[in-house]
Amino acid sequence: LGFVFGLICVFVIEIVQPVREYSTANAMFAITALMACFWVFEVIPIHMTAMIPLVAMPVTGITSSELAASSYWDNIQLLVIGTFLVDIALEQVQLPRRLVLLKLL
């Protein structure tokens, strides 16, 4: 249901063209509507829904793939992801447990 509703929204937006001055604004509005439908109805997993602009924006000619991808990978985001990866690695080797046992003994 959500997939069909999302496609209907895209087609209606592309036919009606709510913003006459900027055609790329209509394309971005259609992508946003598609993502909103996919998110609300959970057509695909949320993390995959978030990646739709990486494919759709270069295909529709809104922007280049480099510019679209650069908004996903900022220095702060890489820092947060790196912190999570270090945390996962520490949990894998059970460092918190080892520290507690060392402290208790």
Foldseek 3Di string as FASTA:
>chain_A
DLQVVLVVLLVVLLVVVPPPPDPLVSQVVSLVSSLVSCVVVVPDPNVVSVCSCLPSCVVVVVDNNVVVVVVVDDPVVVVVVVVVVVVVVCVVVPVVVVVVVVVVD
